[in-house]
Amino acid sequence: MKKINVAAMSMVALVAGCGHKSKADDTVAPPNLTAAASPTSPAAPSATPVAADFSIDNVPISNAPLGKFPYFGLPAGYMARNTQQLHDFGHFLFWTGKNLQNVEGQVYMAEIVNHDENKFSSYELTKNMEALFQQAGAVKVAQSKIPKEQMDAIPEATKGELLTGFGDPWNDPVETWVIRRPHDAIWIHYSTNTSQAGMTVVQTKPFVATAALLPVDQLKSDLDKTGKAVIHVNFATDQTQILPTSSPQINAVVALLKADPSLKLAINGYTDDTGSDAHNLTLSDGRAKAVQTALTTAGVKGDRLQAKGYGRTNPVSSNTDEEGKAANRRVELIKL
């Protein structure tokens, strides 16, 4: 689940998915930069860790002015590789000092390097980034290594999905910062070593389902007219798990198949263009097979179904905005 200097420190900007890996080590510019805080503004008091049993209620509300997501730029000489990812909705696992907390919302992930690899300074970069976090009203809630057993417990697919913004948590300590605002929160993961850093920013927001429910009669009509019906199944972010909100749509397909015992279907899975081709192909295939499994579990005979993923191929809309991406993340039922 493709070299330009990053802005000066007085600017801010630095990370759905669906989600995802890089294809090259070239560098690209981060999103548009906007001022986060006046360079003459006094820095906030030094952030201090809150209790390991983390509760966001322990973080004071900040009204510090911010610019445009993802808010934080880089000091001169540093840049984000083209592995950076920006998702309108996704998730990340943040270390709270005791547990990994899954946070959903708008996501930015980046691998940070220096234009000259011999000049990368973890100390310089960290001093700059921590100053920015504090100016934005962030509180440091954790700074330590994530225990190996907790890293090992993360599913492999999820590790791959989040790797760009993780840095190297298997060997390096991580910092977690939180900006609590009146109506949302901004979480920051930062980790660095002698050659690079990883940073993730998540601005929380609720999930809004985009899958459309097609009733049985509409499914049948589409299949009779065109031999194809498109269903939009809600899956967990960058995973093959079908969410409970899609149960009515699965039930409608089950009813369609039970009403016509002679009907056989190919289940074709597709993704948007976020992430590598290989990742999207694997993800779409797993999702198509998840739908197949849901149907057979409901009593449909397996020999009436076949499932295959086609990744980002055959888009039905542009991938330039979330609406278009949502349309391309689909499952097609093909009459055999």
C-alpha atoms as a PDB file:
ATOM      1  CA  MET A   1       0.000   0.000   0.000  1.00  0.00           C
ATOM      2  CA  LYS A   2       7.118   8.240  -7.139  1.00  0.00           C
ATOM      3  CA  LYS A   3      16.214  17.356  -4.734  1.00  0.00           C
ATOM      4  CA  ILE A   4      14.989  20.411  -3.684  1.00  0.00           C
ATOM      5  CA  ASN A   5      15.858  22.248  -0.509  1.00  0.00           C
ATOM      6  CA  VAL A   6      13.383  22.259   2.293  1.00  0.00           C
ATOM      7  CA  ALA A   7      12.362  25.647   3.721  1.00  0.00           C
ATOM      8  CA  ALA A   8      14.233  27.626   6.351  1.00  0.00           C
ATOM      9  CA  MET A   9      13.389  27.099   9.985  1.00  0.00           C
ATOM     10  CA  SER A  10      11.092  30.070  10.242  1.00  0.00           C
ATOM     11  CA  MET A  11       8.818  28.337   7.818  1.00  0.00           C
ATOM     12  CA  VAL A  12       6.750  25.307   8.492  1.00  0.00           C
ATOM     13  CA  ALA A  13       5.623  22.527   6.395  1.00  0.00           C
ATOM     14  CA  LEU A  14       6.724  18.862   6.621  1.00  0.00           C
ATOM     15  CA  VAL A  15       4.058  13.086   5.774  1.00  0.00           C
ATOM     16  CA  ALA A  16      -2.745   6.990   3.212  1.00  0.00           C
ATOM     17  CA  GLY A  17      -3.504   5.250   3.383  1.00  0.00           C
ATOM     18  CA  CYS A  18      -3.498   3.331   1.898  1.00  0.00           C
ATOM     19  CA  GLY A  19      -0.428   3.669   1.783  1.00  0.00           C
ATOM     20  CA  HIS A  20       3.278   2.915   1.597  1.00  0.00           C
ATOM     21  CA  LYS A  21       6.832   2.505   0.301  1.00  0.00           C
ATOM     22  CA  SER A  22       9.303   4.429  -1.801  1.00  0.00           C
ATOM     23  CA  LYS A  23      10.593   3.528  -5.221  1.00  0.00           C
ATOM     24  CA  ALA A  24      13.832   5.541  -5.249  1.00  0.00           C
ATOM     25  CA  ASP A  25      16.220   7.550  -3.111  1.00  0.00           C
ATOM     26  CA  ASP A  26      15.789  10.832  -5.006  1.00  0.00           C
ATOM     27  CA  THR A  27      14.568  13.818  -3.028  1.00  0.00           C
ATOM     28  CA  VAL A  28      11.505  16.009  -3.399  1.00  0.00           C
ATOM     29  CA  ALA A  29      10.225  19.140  -1.732  1.00  0.00           C
ATOM     30  CA  PRO A  30       7.758  18.871   1.182  1.00  0.00           C
ATOM     31  CA  PRO A  31       4.240  20.334   0.932  1.00  0.00           C
ATOM     32  CA  ASN A  32       3.702  24.102   0.661  1.00  0.00           C
ATOM     33  CA  LEU A  33       5.362  26.038   3.459  1.00  0.00           C
ATOM     34  CA  THR A  34       3.545  28.484   5.707  1.00  0.00           C
ATOM     35  CA  ALA A  35       4.671  30.329   8.802  1.00  0.00           C
ATOM     36  CA  ALA A  36       3.991  28.491  12.035  1.00  0.00           C
ATOM     37  CA  ALA A  37       5.227  31.053  14.509  1.00  0.00           C
ATOM     38  CA  SER A  38       6.935  34.395  14.340  1.00  0.00           C
ATOM     39  CA  PRO A  39      10.723  34.057  14.582  1.00  0.00           C
ATOM     40  CA  THR A  40      10.584  36.764  17.231  1.00  0.00           C
ATOM     41  CA  SER A  41       8.032  34.923  19.340  1.00  0.00           C
ATOM     42  CA  PRO A  42       9.408  33.626  22.641  1.00  0.00           C
ATOM     43  CA  ALA A  43       9.873  29.892  22.767  1.00  0.00           C
ATOM     44  CA  ALA A  44       7.468  27.934  24.914  1.00  0.00           C
ATOM     45  CA  PRO A  45       8.754  26.507  28.186  1.00  0.00           C
ATOM     46  CA  SER A  46      10.753  23.320  27.825  1.00  0.00           C
ATOM     47  CA  ALA A  47       8.440  20.380  27.311  1.00  0.00           C
ATOM     48  CA  THR A  48       8.432  17.831  30.076  1.00  0.00           C
ATOM     49  CA  PRO A  49       7.275  14.216  29.813  1.00  0.00           C
ATOM     50  CA  VAL A  50       3.871  13.412  31.255  1.00  0.00           C
ATOM     51  CA  ALA A  51       3.070  10.196  33.079  1.00  0.00           C
ATOM     52  CA  ALA A  52       3.852   6.951  31.271  1.00  0.00           C
ATOM     53  CA  ASP A  53       0.178   6.044  31.663  1.00  0.00           C
ATOM     54  CA  PHE A  54      -0.646   8.580  29.000  1.00  0.00           C
ATOM     55  CA  SER A  55      -3.897  10.496  28.826  1.00  0.00           C
ATOM     56  CA  ILE A  56      -4.294  13.420  26.468  1.00  0.00           C
ATOM     57  CA  ASP A  57      -6.296  15.107  29.220  1.00  0.00           C
ATOM     58  CA  ASN A  58      -2.953  15.663  30.984  1.00  0.00           C
ATOM     59  CA  VAL A  59      -1.729  17.805  28.091  1.00  0.00           C
ATOM     60  CA  PRO A  60      -2.634  21.505  28.344  1.00  0.00           C
ATOM     61  CA  ILE A  61      -4.649  22.970  25.478  1.00  0.00           C
ATOM     62  CA  SER A  62      -2.559  25.077  23.104  1.00  0.00           C
ATOM     63  CA  ASN A  63      -3.799  28.019  21.065  1.00  0.00           C
ATOM     64  CA  ALA A  64      -0.448  28.661  19.397  1.00  0.00           C
ATOM     65  CA  PRO A  65      -0.971  29.802  15.779  1.00  0.00           C
ATOM     66  CA  LEU A  66      -0.062  27.240  13.161  1.00  0.00           C
ATOM     67  CA  GLY A  67       0.234  27.372   9.404  1.00  0.00           C
ATOM     68  CA  LYS A  68      -0.709  24.661   6.968  1.00  0.00           C
ATOM     69  CA  PHE A  69      -0.470  20.927   7.660  1.00  0.00           C
ATOM     70  CA  PRO A  70       2.022  19.335   8.269  1.00  0.00           C
ATOM     71  CA  TYR A  71       3.304  22.483  10.013  1.00  0.00           C
ATOM     72  CA  PHE A  72       7.026  21.764  10.504  1.00  0.00           C
ATOM     73  CA  GLY A  73       9.849  22.624   8.114  1.00  0.00           C
ATOM     74  CA  LEU A  74      13.501  21.646   8.242  1.00  0.00           C
ATOM     75  CA  PRO A  75      16.710  23.605   8.886  1.00  0.00           C
ATOM     76  CA  ALA A  76      18.843  24.657   5.939  1.00  0.00           C
ATOM     77  CA  GLY A  77      20.688  21.742   4.375  1.00  0.00           C
ATOM     78  CA  TYR A  78      18.140  19.116   5.416  1.00  0.00           C
ATOM     79  CA  MET A  79      15.432  17.608   3.255  1.00  0.00           C
ATOM     80  CA  ALA A  80      12.822  14.896   3.049  1.00  0.00           C
ATOM     81  CA  ARG A  81      13.486  12.070   0.636  1.00  0.00           C
ATOM     82  CA  ASN A  82      10.841  11.258  -1.933  1.00  0.00           C
ATOM     83  CA  THR A  83       9.741   8.502   0.437  1.00  0.00           C
ATOM     84  CA  GLN A  84       7.601  11.128   2.189  1.00  0.00           C
ATOM     85  CA  GLN A  85       3.915  10.287   2.290  1.00  0.00           C
ATOM     86  CA  LEU A  86       0.831  12.422   2.734  1.00  0.00           C
ATOM     87  CA  HIS A  87      -2.546  10.808   3.382  1.00  0.00           C
ATOM     88  CA  ASP A  88      -5.849  12.585   3.861  1.00  0.00           C
ATOM     89  CA  PHE A  89      -6.801   9.818   6.258  1.00  0.00           C
ATOM     90  CA  GLY A  90      -4.558   7.177   7.760  1.00  0.00           C
ATOM     91  CA  HIS A  91      -2.982   6.165  11.043  1.00  0.00           C
ATOM     92  CA  PHE A  92       0.288   5.838  12.966  1.00  0.00           C
ATOM     93  CA  LEU A  93       1.452   4.066  16.113  1.00  0.00           C
ATOM     94  CA  PHE A  94       2.800   6.578  18.640  1.00  0.00           C
ATOM     95  CA  TRP A  95       4.943   5.546  21.617  1.00  0.00           C
ATOM     96  CA  THR A  96       3.540   6.973  24.869  1.00  0.00           C
ATOM     97  CA  GLY A  97       6.324   5.652  27.109  1.00  0.00           C
ATOM     98  CA  LYS A  98       4.308   2.586  28.001  1.00  0.00           C
ATOM     99  CA  ASN A  99       2.256   1.564  24.988  1.00  0.00           C
ATOM    100  CA  LEU A 100       1.917   2.125  21.264  1.00  0.00           C
ATOM    101  CA  GLN A 101      -1.197   4.205  20.667  1.00  0.00           C
ATOM    102  CA  ASN A 102      -2.949   4.063  17.319  1.00  0.00           C
ATOM    103  CA  VAL A 103      -3.888   7.588  16.176  1.00  0.00           C
ATOM    104  CA  GLU A 104      -6.044   8.231  13.098  1.00  0.00           C
ATOM    105  CA  GLY A 105      -6.322  11.358  10.974  1.00  0.00           C
ATOM    106  CA  GLN A 106      -4.413  13.291   8.323  1.00  0.00           C
ATOM    107  CA  VAL A 107      -0.923  11.809   8.104  1.00  0.00           C
ATOM    108  CA  TYR A 108       2.485  13.017   6.970  1.00  0.00           C
ATOM    109  CA  MET A 109       5.544  10.721   7.126  1.00  0.00           C
ATOM    110  CA  ALA A 110       9.080  11.561   6.021  1.00  0.00           C
ATOM    111  CA  GLU A 111      12.633  10.278   6.064  1.00  0.00           C
ATOM    112  CA  ILE A 112      14.974  13.212   6.709  1.00  0.00           C
ATOM    113  CA  VAL A 113      18.531  13.423   5.358  1.00  0.00           C
ATOM    114  CA  ASN A 114      21.139  16.112   4.613  1.00  0.00           C
ATOM    115  CA  HIS A 115      21.966  17.289   1.092  1.00  0.00           C
ATOM    116  CA  ASP A 116      25.535  16.265   1.917  1.00  0.00           C
ATOM    117  CA  GLU A 117      25.404  12.945   3.736  1.00  0.00           C
ATOM    118  CA  ASN A 118      28.735  13.723   5.448  1.00  0.00           C
ATOM    119  CA  LYS A 119      27.196  16.779   7.119  1.00  0.00           C
ATOM    120  CA  PHE A 120      24.187  15.142   8.767  1.00  0.00           C
ATOM    121  CA  SER A 121      24.112  16.231  12.418  1.00  0.00           C
ATOM    122  CA  SER A 122      21.589  14.559  14.658  1.00  0.00           C
ATOM    123  CA  TYR A 123      22.309  17.170  17.347  1.00  0.00           C
ATOM    124  CA  GLU A 124      21.714  20.134  15.026  1.00  0.00           C
ATOM    125  CA  LEU A 125      18.558  18.688  13.524  1.00  0.00           C
ATOM    126  CA  THR A 126      17.100  17.703  16.885  1.00  0.00           C
ATOM    127  CA  LYS A 127      17.771  21.110  18.451  1.00  0.00           C
ATOM    128  CA  ASN A 128      15.987  22.763  15.554  1.00  0.00           C
ATOM    129  CA  MET A 129      13.003  20.422  15.490  1.00  0.00           C
ATOM    130  CA  GLU A 130      12.470  20.497  19.247  1.00  0.00           C
ATOM    131  CA  ALA A 131      12.498  24.319  19.158  1.00  0.00           C
ATOM    132  CA  LEU A 132       9.797  24.237  16.463  1.00  0.00           C
ATOM    133  CA  PHE A 133       7.684  21.720  18.358  1.00  0.00           C
ATOM    134  CA  GLN A 134       7.802  23.870  21.482  1.00  0.00           C
ATOM    135  CA  GLN A 135       6.909  27.051  19.555  1.00  0.00           C
ATOM    136  CA  ALA A 136       3.848  25.204  18.255  1.00  0.00           C
ATOM    137  CA  GLY A 137       2.739  24.372  21.804  1.00  0.00           C
ATOM    138  CA  ALA A 138       3.761  20.720  21.776  1.00  0.00           C
ATOM    139  CA  VAL A 139       4.423  18.729  24.940  1.00  0.00           C
ATOM    140  CA  LYS A 140       6.891  15.862  24.919  1.00  0.00           C
ATOM    141  CA  VAL A 141       5.071  12.791  26.250  1.00  0.00           C
ATOM    142  CA  ALA A 142       7.787  10.168  25.700  1.00  0.00           C
ATOM    143  CA  GLN A 143      11.484   9.871  24.880  1.00  0.00           C
ATOM    144  CA  SER A 144      12.877   6.339  24.997  1.00  0.00           C
ATOM    145  CA  LYS A 145      13.356   3.192  22.953  1.00  0.00           C
ATOM    146  CA  ILE A 146      10.272   1.184  22.131  1.00  0.00           C
ATOM    147  CA  PRO A 147      10.600  -2.264  23.739  1.00  0.00           C
ATOM    148  CA  LYS A 148      11.437  -4.991  21.244  1.00  0.00           C
ATOM    149  CA  GLU A 149       8.417  -7.056  22.257  1.00  0.00           C
ATOM    150  CA  GLN A 150       6.103  -4.176  21.377  1.00  0.00           C
ATOM    151  CA  MET A 151       7.756  -3.668  17.996  1.00  0.00           C
ATOM    152  CA  ASP A 152       7.605  -7.393  17.301  1.00  0.00           C
ATOM    153  CA  ALA A 153       3.870  -7.400  18.066  1.00  0.00           C
ATOM    154  CA  ILE A 154       3.126  -4.977  15.195  1.00  0.00           C
ATOM    155  CA  PRO A 155       1.811  -6.873  12.130  1.00  0.00           C
ATOM    156  CA  GLU A 156       4.337  -6.994   9.302  1.00  0.00           C
ATOM    157  CA  ALA A 157       1.981  -5.221   6.893  1.00  0.00           C
ATOM    158  CA  THR A 158       1.570  -2.357   9.343  1.00  0.00           C
ATOM    159  CA  LYS A 159       5.326  -2.086   9.908  1.00  0.00           C
ATOM    160  CA  GLY A 160       5.852  -1.744   6.184  1.00  0.00           C
ATOM    161  CA  GLU A 161       3.093   0.837   5.931  1.00  0.00           C
ATOM    162  CA  LEU A 162       4.555   3.031   8.685  1.00  0.00           C
ATOM    163  CA  LEU A 163       8.272   2.481   8.024  1.00  0.00           C
ATOM    164  CA  THR A 164       8.876   5.787   6.230  1.00  0.00           C
ATOM    165  CA  GLY A 165       7.977   7.832   9.288  1.00  0.00           C
ATOM    166  CA  PHE A 166       9.334   5.490  11.943  1.00  0.00           C
ATOM    167  CA  GLY A 167      13.068   5.991  11.448  1.00  0.00           C
ATOM    168  CA  ASP A 168      14.801   3.038  13.091  1.00  0.00           C
ATOM    169  CA  PRO A 169      12.839   2.353  16.302  1.00  0.00           C
ATOM    170  CA  TRP A 170      14.466  -1.077  16.630  1.00  0.00           C
ATOM    171  CA  ASN A 171      17.779   0.621  17.470  1.00  0.00           C
ATOM    172  CA  ASP A 172      17.108   4.292  18.240  1.00  0.00           C
ATOM    173  CA  PRO A 173      15.061   6.066  20.917  1.00  0.00           C
ATOM    174  CA  VAL A 174      11.982   7.925  19.732  1.00  0.00           C
ATOM    175  CA  GLU A 175      10.346  11.156  20.829  1.00  0.00           C
ATOM    176  CA  THR A 176       6.585  11.641  20.927  1.00  0.00           C
ATOM    177  CA  TRP A 177       5.117  15.131  21.137  1.00  0.00           C
ATOM    178  CA  VAL A 178       1.461  16.145  21.325  1.00  0.00           C
ATOM    179  CA  ILE A 179      -0.241  19.460  20.624  1.00  0.00           C
ATOM    180  CA  ARG A 180      -3.656  19.396  22.207  1.00  0.00           C
ATOM    181  CA  ARG A 181      -6.005  21.906  20.617  1.00  0.00           C
ATOM    182  CA  PRO A 182      -9.643  22.773  21.427  1.00  0.00           C
ATOM    183  CA  HIS A 183     -11.101  20.523  18.713  1.00  0.00           C
ATOM    184  CA  ASP A 184      -8.334  18.131  17.701  1.00  0.00           C
ATOM    185  CA  ALA A 185      -4.761  17.097  18.466  1.00  0.00           C
ATOM    186  CA  ILE A 186      -1.511  16.985  16.539  1.00  0.00           C
ATOM    187  CA  TRP A 187       0.800  14.055  17.282  1.00  0.00           C
ATOM    188  CA  ILE A 188       4.485  14.094  16.323  1.00  0.00           C
ATOM    189  CA  HIS A 189       6.866  11.122  16.148  1.00  0.00           C
ATOM    190  CA  TYR A 190      10.564  11.953  15.791  1.00  0.00           C
ATOM    191  CA  SER A 191      13.576   9.625  15.782  1.00  0.00           C
ATOM    192  CA  THR A 192      17.143  10.168  14.608  1.00  0.00           C
ATOM    193  CA  ASN A 193      20.577   8.561  14.416  1.00  0.00           C
ATOM    194  CA  THR A 194      23.931   9.516  12.890  1.00  0.00           C
ATOM    195  CA  SER A 195      22.761   9.365   9.267  1.00  0.00           C
ATOM    196  CA  GLN A 196      19.036  10.145   9.062  1.00  0.00           C
ATOM    197  CA  ALA A 197      15.819  10.851  10.944  1.00  0.00           C
ATOM    198  CA  GLY A 198      12.205   9.811  10.694  1.00  0.00           C
ATOM    199  CA  MET A 199       9.257  12.090  11.410  1.00  0.00           C
ATOM    200  CA  THR A 200       5.508  11.597  11.378  1.00  0.00           C
ATOM    201  CA  VAL A 201       2.789  14.182  11.976  1.00  0.00           C
ATOM    202  CA  VAL A 202      -0.844  13.166  12.480  1.00  0.00           C
ATOM    203  CA  GLN A 203      -3.664  15.664  12.903  1.00  0.00           C
ATOM    204  CA  THR A 204      -6.582  13.790  14.387  1.00  0.00           C
ATOM    205  CA  LYS A 205      -9.921  13.687  12.657  1.00  0.00           C
ATOM    206  CA  PRO A 206     -12.811  11.209  12.625  1.00  0.00           C
ATOM    207  CA  PHE A 207     -13.203   8.564   9.957  1.00  0.00           C
ATOM    208  CA  VAL A 208     -15.908   9.256   7.383  1.00  0.00           C
ATOM    209  CA  ALA A 209     -17.069   6.218   5.435  1.00  0.00           C
ATOM    210  CA  THR A 210     -17.056   6.705   1.668  1.00  0.00           C
ATOM    211  CA  ALA A 211     -18.316   3.265   0.660  1.00  0.00           C
ATOM    212  CA  ALA A 212     -21.673   3.363  -1.076  1.00  0.00           C
ATOM    213  CA  LEU A 213     -24.243   0.636  -0.448  1.00  0.00           C
ATOM    214  CA  LEU A 214     -25.828  -0.820  -3.574  1.00  0.00           C
ATOM    215  CA  PRO A 215     -29.083  -2.709  -2.913  1.00  0.00           C
ATOM    216  CA  VAL A 216     -29.657  -6.173  -4.336  1.00  0.00           C
ATOM    217  CA  ASP A 217     -31.861  -4.960  -7.182  1.00  0.00           C
ATOM    218  CA  GLN A 218     -29.255  -2.385  -8.255  1.00  0.00           C
ATOM    219  CA  LEU A 219     -26.506  -5.016  -8.204  1.00  0.00           C
ATOM    220  CA  LYS A 220     -28.613  -7.335 -10.328  1.00  0.00           C
ATOM    221  CA  SER A 221     -29.525  -4.554 -12.760  1.00  0.00           C
ATOM    222  CA  ASP A 222     -25.911  -3.531 -13.228  1.00  0.00           C
ATOM    223  CA  LEU A 223     -24.769  -7.110 -13.785  1.00  0.00           C
ATOM    224  CA  ASP A 224     -27.583  -7.781 -16.272  1.00  0.00           C
ATOM    225  CA  LYS A 225     -26.895  -4.586 -18.245  1.00  0.00           C
ATOM    226  CA  THR A 226     -23.111  -4.381 -18.253  1.00  0.00           C
ATOM    227  CA  GLY A 227     -21.903  -7.633 -16.720  1.00  0.00           C
ATOM    228  CA  LYS A 228     -20.262  -5.620 -13.948  1.00  0.00           C
ATOM    229  CA  ALA A 229     -21.214  -4.036 -10.623  1.00  0.00           C
ATOM    230  CA  VAL A 230     -18.930  -1.828  -8.543  1.00  0.00           C
ATOM    231  CA  ILE A 231     -19.072  -1.963  -4.764  1.00  0.00           C
ATOM    232  CA  HIS A 232     -17.068   0.202  -2.356  1.00  0.00           C
ATOM    233  CA  VAL A 233     -16.154  -1.842   0.669  1.00  0.00           C
ATOM    234  CA  ASN A 234     -14.720  -0.150   3.756  1.00  0.00           C
ATOM    235  CA  PHE A 235     -11.427  -1.744   4.773  1.00  0.00           C
ATOM    236  CA  ALA A 236      -9.124  -0.942   7.685  1.00  0.00           C
ATOM    237  CA  THR A 237      -6.494   1.581   6.550  1.00  0.00           C
ATOM    238  CA  ASP A 238      -3.987  -0.135   4.245  1.00  0.00           C
ATOM    239  CA  GLN A 239      -5.199  -3.551   5.394  1.00  0.00           C
ATOM    240  CA  THR A 240      -7.431  -6.322   4.093  1.00  0.00           C
ATOM    241  CA  GLN A 241      -9.756  -6.385   7.103  1.00  0.00           C
ATOM    242  CA  ILE A 242     -13.350  -5.562   6.110  1.00  0.00           C
ATOM    243  CA  LEU A 243     -14.876  -3.082   8.529  1.00  0.00           C
ATOM    244  CA  PRO A 244     -18.293  -3.786  10.124  1.00  0.00           C
ATOM    245  CA  THR A 245     -19.775  -0.798   8.252  1.00  0.00           C
ATOM    246  CA  SER A 246     -19.568  -2.879   5.060  1.00  0.00           C
ATOM    247  CA  SER A 247     -21.685  -5.753   6.383  1.00  0.00           C
ATOM    248  CA  PRO A 248     -24.871  -4.502   4.610  1.00  0.00           C
ATOM    249  CA  GLN A 249     -23.044  -4.439   1.272  1.00  0.00           C
ATOM    250  CA  ILE A 250     -21.631  -7.930   1.743  1.00  0.00           C
ATOM    251  CA  ASN A 251     -25.077  -9.151   2.762  1.00  0.00           C
ATOM    252  CA  ALA A 252     -26.537  -7.649  -0.410  1.00  0.00           C
ATOM    253  CA  VAL A 253     -24.063  -9.594  -2.557  1.00  0.00           C
ATOM    254  CA  VAL A 254     -24.851 -12.769  -0.615  1.00  0.00           C
ATOM    255  CA  ALA A 255     -28.572 -12.241  -1.231  1.00  0.00           C
ATOM    256  CA  LEU A 256     -27.914 -11.672  -4.932  1.00  0.00           C
ATOM    257  CA  LEU A 257     -25.985 -14.935  -5.240  1.00  0.00           C
ATOM    258  CA  LYS A 258     -28.513 -16.939  -3.258  1.00  0.00           C
ATOM    259  CA  ALA A 259     -31.364 -15.608  -5.384  1.00  0.00           C
ATOM    260  CA  ASP A 260     -29.638 -16.861  -8.550  1.00  0.00           C
ATOM    261  CA  PRO A 261     -27.842 -20.189  -7.889  1.00  0.00           C
ATOM    262  CA  SER A 262     -26.411 -20.188 -11.429  1.00  0.00           C
ATOM    263  CA  LEU A 263     -24.655 -16.848 -11.011  1.00  0.00           C
ATOM    264  CA  LYS A 264     -20.862 -16.923 -10.778  1.00  0.00           C
ATOM    265  CA  LEU A 265     -18.738 -13.874 -10.063  1.00  0.00           C
ATOM    266  CA  ALA A 266     -15.161 -12.690 -10.422  1.00  0.00           C
ATOM    267  CA  ILE A 267     -14.194 -10.368  -7.584  1.00  0.00           C
ATOM    268  CA  ASN A 268     -11.617  -7.823  -8.757  1.00  0.00           C
ATOM    269  CA  GLY A 269      -9.849  -5.544  -6.274  1.00  0.00           C
ATOM    270  CA  TYR A 270      -8.369  -2.107  -7.064  1.00  0.00           C
ATOM    271  CA  THR A 271      -6.521   0.628  -5.137  1.00  0.00           C
ATOM    272  CA  ASP A 272      -5.706   4.287  -5.701  1.00  0.00           C
ATOM    273  CA  ASP A 273      -2.197   5.337  -6.789  1.00  0.00           C
ATOM    274  CA  THR A 274      -0.747   5.898  -3.294  1.00  0.00           C
ATOM    275  CA  GLY A 275       2.265   3.675  -2.682  1.00  0.00           C
ATOM    276  CA  SER A 276       4.302   1.327  -4.805  1.00  0.00           C
ATOM    277  CA  ASP A 277       2.859  -0.859  -7.553  1.00  0.00           C
ATOM    278  CA  ALA A 278       3.941  -4.033  -5.755  1.00  0.00           C
ATOM    279  CA  HIS A 279       2.335  -2.961  -2.499  1.00  0.00           C
ATOM    280  CA  ASN A 280      -0.926  -1.961  -4.184  1.00  0.00           C
ATOM    281  CA  LEU A 281      -1.089  -5.211  -6.123  1.00  0.00           C
ATOM    282  CA  THR A 282      -0.691  -7.246  -2.936  1.00  0.00           C
ATOM    283  CA  LEU A 283      -3.183  -5.080  -1.056  1.00  0.00           C
ATOM    284  CA  SER A 284      -5.857  -5.234  -3.758  1.00  0.00           C
ATOM    285  CA  ASP A 285      -5.460  -8.985  -4.105  1.00  0.00           C
ATOM    286  CA  GLY A 286      -5.817  -9.464  -0.362  1.00  0.00           C
ATOM    287  CA  ARG A 287      -8.926  -7.284  -0.293  1.00  0.00           C
ATOM    288  CA  ALA A 288     -10.553  -9.140  -3.176  1.00  0.00           C
ATOM    289  CA  LYS A 289      -9.886 -12.431  -1.418  1.00  0.00           C
ATOM    290  CA  ALA A 290     -11.257 -10.991   1.839  1.00  0.00           C
ATOM    291  CA  VAL A 291     -14.553 -10.292   0.064  1.00  0.00           C
ATOM    292  CA  GLN A 292     -14.493 -13.809  -1.362  1.00  0.00           C
ATOM    293  CA  THR A 293     -13.948 -15.240   2.113  1.00  0.00           C
ATOM    294  CA  ALA A 294     -16.786 -13.132   3.550  1.00  0.00           C
ATOM    295  CA  LEU A 295     -19.160 -14.496   0.900  1.00  0.00           C
ATOM    296  CA  THR A 296     -18.174 -18.126   1.343  1.00  0.00           C
ATOM    297  CA  THR A 297     -18.411 -17.752   5.128  1.00  0.00           C
ATOM    298  CA  ALA A 298     -21.991 -16.582   4.570  1.00  0.00           C
ATOM    299  CA  GLY A 299     -22.835 -19.780   2.687  1.00  0.00           C
ATOM    300  CA  VAL A 300     -21.914 -19.095  -0.939  1.00  0.00           C
ATOM    301  CA  LYS A 301     -20.104 -22.022  -2.562  1.00  0.00           C
ATOM    302  CA  GLY A 302     -16.457 -21.304  -3.318  1.00  0.00           C
ATOM    303  CA  ASP A 303     -16.617 -22.657  -6.870  1.00  0.00           C
ATOM    304  CA  ARG A 304     -18.950 -19.793  -7.789  1.00  0.00           C
ATOM    305  CA  LEU A 305     -16.323 -17.174  -6.992  1.00  0.00           C
ATOM    306  CA  GLN A 306     -12.835 -16.201  -8.074  1.00  0.00           C
ATOM    307  CA  ALA A 307     -10.845 -13.279  -6.682  1.00  0.00           C
ATOM    308  CA  LYS A 308      -7.851 -11.286  -7.934  1.00  0.00           C
ATOM    309  CA  GLY A 309      -6.223  -7.914  -7.284  1.00  0.00           C
ATOM    310  CA  TYR A 310      -5.178  -5.441  -9.978  1.00  0.00           C
ATOM    311  CA  GLY A 311      -3.607  -2.703  -7.863  1.00  0.00           C
ATOM    312  CA  ARG A 312      -3.751   0.835  -9.241  1.00  0.00           C
ATOM    313  CA  THR A 313      -4.555  -0.225 -12.817  1.00  0.00           C
ATOM    314  CA  ASN A 314      -7.778   0.725 -14.610  1.00  0.00           C
ATOM    315  CA  PRO A 315      -8.647   3.810 -12.533  1.00  0.00           C
ATOM    316  CA  VAL A 316     -12.211   5.098 -12.884  1.00  0.00           C
ATOM    317  CA  SER A 317     -11.340   8.588 -11.630  1.00  0.00           C
ATOM    318  CA  SER A 318      -8.344  10.862 -11.164  1.00  0.00           C
ATOM    319  CA  ASN A 319      -6.076  10.386  -8.152  1.00  0.00           C
ATOM    320  CA  THR A 320      -5.654  14.119  -7.571  1.00  0.00           C
ATOM    321  CA  ASP A 321      -8.042  14.425  -4.618  1.00  0.00           C
ATOM    322  CA  GLU A 322      -9.572  12.226  -1.936  1.00  0.00           C
ATOM    323  CA  GLU A 323     -12.879  11.863  -3.781  1.00  0.00           C
ATOM    324  CA  GLY A 324     -11.133  10.481  -6.850  1.00  0.00           C
ATOM    325  CA  LYS A 325      -8.910   8.206  -4.790  1.00  0.00           C
ATOM    326  CA  ALA A 326     -11.966   6.845  -2.952  1.00  0.00           C
ATOM    327  CA  ALA A 327     -13.622   6.011  -6.272  1.00  0.00           C
ATOM    328  CA  ASN A 328     -10.561   4.073  -7.390  1.00  0.00           C
ATOM    329  CA  ARG A 329     -10.409   2.049  -4.165  1.00  0.00           C
ATOM    330  CA  ARG A 330     -13.130  -0.336  -5.224  1.00  0.00           C
ATOM    331  CA  VAL A 331     -14.182  -3.927  -5.694  1.00  0.00           C
ATOM    332  CA  GLU A 332     -15.733  -4.914  -9.005  1.00  0.00           C
ATOM    333  CA  LEU A 333     -18.065  -7.882  -9.388  1.00  0.00           C
ATOM    334  CA  ILE A 334     -17.810  -9.375 -12.897  1.00  0.00           C
ATOM    335  CA  LYS A 335     -20.424 -11.787 -14.180  1.00  0.00           C
ATOM    336  CA  LEU A 336     -18.820 -15.015 -15.380  1.00  0.00           C
END
